[in-house]
Amino acid sequence: MEKKRFKIKCQDCDAEITGFSEHHVKQNLYIHQQTSQKHKDILKILKKRGIM
């Protein structure tokens, strides 16, 4: 039996994050936002432009 996969997109860098439950996918998104270099680069650009 295959488990259902939940998906969510990172609002900042459009990366697709997956998990086995709604809670799991939100935790994976949090981890992604804390560790992703691409995410950090985008946030840096947004802060420079005064958007964030």
N, C-alpha and C. Protein backbone atom coordinates (compact mmCIF):
# COMPACT_ATOMS: atom_id res chain seq x y z
N MET A 1 0.84 -1.19 0.00
CA MET A 1 0.00 0.00 0.00
C MET A 1 0.88 1.25 0.00
N GLU A 2 0.63 2.12 -0.93
CA GLU A 2 1.43 3.34 -1.04
C GLU A 2 0.76 4.46 -0.26
N LYS A 3 1.58 5.17 0.52
CA LYS A 3 1.06 6.30 1.30
C LYS A 3 0.80 7.50 0.40
N LYS A 4 -0.22 8.27 0.74
CA LYS A 4 -0.52 9.49 0.01
C LYS A 4 0.55 10.53 0.32
N ARG A 5 1.01 11.22 -0.70
CA ARG A 5 2.01 12.27 -0.53
C ARG A 5 1.34 13.62 -0.59
N PHE A 6 1.70 14.48 0.33
CA PHE A 6 1.23 15.85 0.35
C PHE A 6 2.31 16.72 -0.27
N LYS A 7 1.91 17.74 -0.99
CA LYS A 7 2.86 18.63 -1.64
C LYS A 7 2.52 20.07 -1.32
N ILE A 8 3.56 20.89 -1.22
CA ILE A 8 3.39 22.33 -1.00
C ILE A 8 4.55 23.02 -1.70
N LYS A 9 4.31 24.21 -2.21
CA LYS A 9 5.39 24.98 -2.85
C LYS A 9 5.89 26.03 -1.89
N CYS A 10 7.18 26.20 -1.85
CA CYS A 10 7.77 27.27 -1.07
C CYS A 10 7.36 28.59 -1.73
N GLN A 11 6.76 29.47 -0.94
CA GLN A 11 6.27 30.71 -1.51
C GLN A 11 7.38 31.63 -1.99
N ASP A 12 8.57 31.45 -1.50
CA ASP A 12 9.67 32.34 -1.86
C ASP A 12 10.47 31.88 -3.07
N CYS A 13 10.69 30.57 -3.19
CA CYS A 13 11.56 30.10 -4.28
C CYS A 13 10.90 29.07 -5.18
N ASP A 14 9.62 28.78 -4.97
CA ASP A 14 8.83 27.86 -5.81
C ASP A 14 9.33 26.43 -5.82
N ALA A 15 10.13 26.04 -4.85
CA ALA A 15 10.55 24.64 -4.73
C ALA A 15 9.37 23.81 -4.25
N GLU A 16 9.22 22.60 -4.79
CA GLU A 16 8.13 21.73 -4.37
C GLU A 16 8.61 20.88 -3.19
N ILE A 17 7.87 20.94 -2.09
CA ILE A 17 8.20 20.22 -0.87
C ILE A 17 7.15 19.12 -0.69
N THR A 18 7.58 17.90 -0.34
CA THR A 18 6.65 16.79 -0.16
C THR A 18 6.73 16.23 1.25
N GLY A 19 5.67 15.52 1.63
CA GLY A 19 5.64 14.88 2.94
C GLY A 19 4.51 13.86 2.97
N PHE A 20 4.45 13.06 4.03
CA PHE A 20 3.45 12.00 4.14
C PHE A 20 2.19 12.44 4.88
N SER A 21 2.20 13.63 5.44
CA SER A 21 1.02 14.19 6.10
C SER A 21 1.12 15.71 6.01
N GLU A 22 0.03 16.37 6.34
CA GLU A 22 0.05 17.83 6.30
C GLU A 22 1.09 18.38 7.28
N HIS A 23 1.16 17.78 8.46
CA HIS A 23 2.15 18.21 9.46
C HIS A 23 3.57 17.96 8.95
N HIS A 24 3.80 16.80 8.36
CA HIS A 24 5.13 16.42 7.87
C HIS A 24 5.59 17.37 6.77
N VAL A 25 4.69 17.71 5.85
CA VAL A 25 5.08 18.59 4.74
C VAL A 25 5.39 20.00 5.26
N LYS A 26 4.65 20.45 6.28
CA LYS A 26 4.94 21.77 6.86
C LYS A 26 6.28 21.77 7.57
N GLN A 27 6.61 20.67 8.23
CA GLN A 27 7.92 20.56 8.88
C GLN A 27 9.03 20.55 7.84
N ASN A 28 8.81 19.83 6.73
CA ASN A 28 9.81 19.80 5.66
C ASN A 28 9.99 21.18 5.03
N LEU A 29 8.90 21.94 4.90
CA LEU A 29 9.00 23.30 4.37
C LEU A 29 9.82 24.17 5.31
N TYR A 30 9.58 24.04 6.60
CA TYR A 30 10.36 24.80 7.59
C TYR A 30 11.85 24.46 7.48
N ILE A 31 12.16 23.18 7.38
CA ILE A 31 13.56 22.75 7.25
C ILE A 31 14.16 23.31 5.96
N HIS A 32 13.40 23.25 4.88
CA HIS A 32 13.86 23.79 3.60
C HIS A 32 14.19 25.27 3.73
N GLN A 33 13.29 26.00 4.37
CA GLN A 33 13.49 27.45 4.49
C GLN A 33 14.70 27.77 5.35
N GLN A 34 15.04 26.92 6.28
CA GLN A 34 16.18 27.17 7.14
C GLN A 34 17.51 26.76 6.50
N THR A 35 17.48 25.81 5.57
CA THR A 35 18.73 25.25 5.06
C THR A 35 18.99 25.50 3.58
N SER A 36 17.99 25.84 2.81
CA SER A 36 18.15 25.96 1.36
C SER A 36 18.97 27.21 1.00
N GLN A 37 20.05 27.02 0.29
CA GLN A 37 20.88 28.14 -0.14
C GLN A 37 20.12 29.01 -1.13
N LYS A 38 19.36 28.39 -2.02
CA LYS A 38 18.59 29.15 -3.00
C LYS A 38 17.58 30.04 -2.27
N HIS A 39 16.94 29.48 -1.27
CA HIS A 39 15.97 30.24 -0.48
C HIS A 39 16.66 31.42 0.20
N LYS A 40 17.83 31.19 0.78
CA LYS A 40 18.57 32.26 1.45
C LYS A 40 18.97 33.35 0.48
N ASP A 41 19.38 32.96 -0.72
CA ASP A 41 19.77 33.94 -1.73
C ASP A 41 18.58 34.82 -2.14
N ILE A 42 17.41 34.21 -2.30
CA ILE A 42 16.22 34.97 -2.68
C ILE A 42 15.83 35.93 -1.57
N LEU A 43 15.86 35.47 -0.32
CA LEU A 43 15.52 36.35 0.80
C LEU A 43 16.49 37.52 0.88
N LYS A 44 17.76 37.26 0.60
CA LYS A 44 18.78 38.31 0.62
C LYS A 44 18.47 39.39 -0.41
N ILE A 45 18.08 38.96 -1.60
CA ILE A 45 17.73 39.89 -2.68
C ILE A 45 16.49 40.70 -2.29
N LEU A 46 15.47 40.02 -1.73
CA LEU A 46 14.25 40.71 -1.33
C LEU A 46 14.52 41.74 -0.25
N LYS A 47 15.40 41.41 0.69
CA LYS A 47 15.73 42.34 1.76
C LYS A 47 16.48 43.54 1.21
N LYS A 48 17.39 43.30 0.24
CA LYS A 48 18.14 44.40 -0.38
C LYS A 48 17.19 45.37 -1.07
N ARG A 49 16.15 44.83 -1.69
CA ARG A 49 15.20 45.67 -2.42
C ARG A 49 14.15 46.29 -1.52
N GLY A 50 14.19 45.95 -0.22
CA GLY A 50 13.26 46.52 0.73
C GLY A 50 11.88 45.89 0.71
N ILE A 51 11.76 44.73 0.10
CA ILE A 51 10.47 44.05 0.01
C ILE A 51 10.15 43.32 1.31
N MET A 52 11.16 42.86 2.00
CA MET A 52 10.94 42.13 3.25
C MET A 52 11.55 42.88 4.39
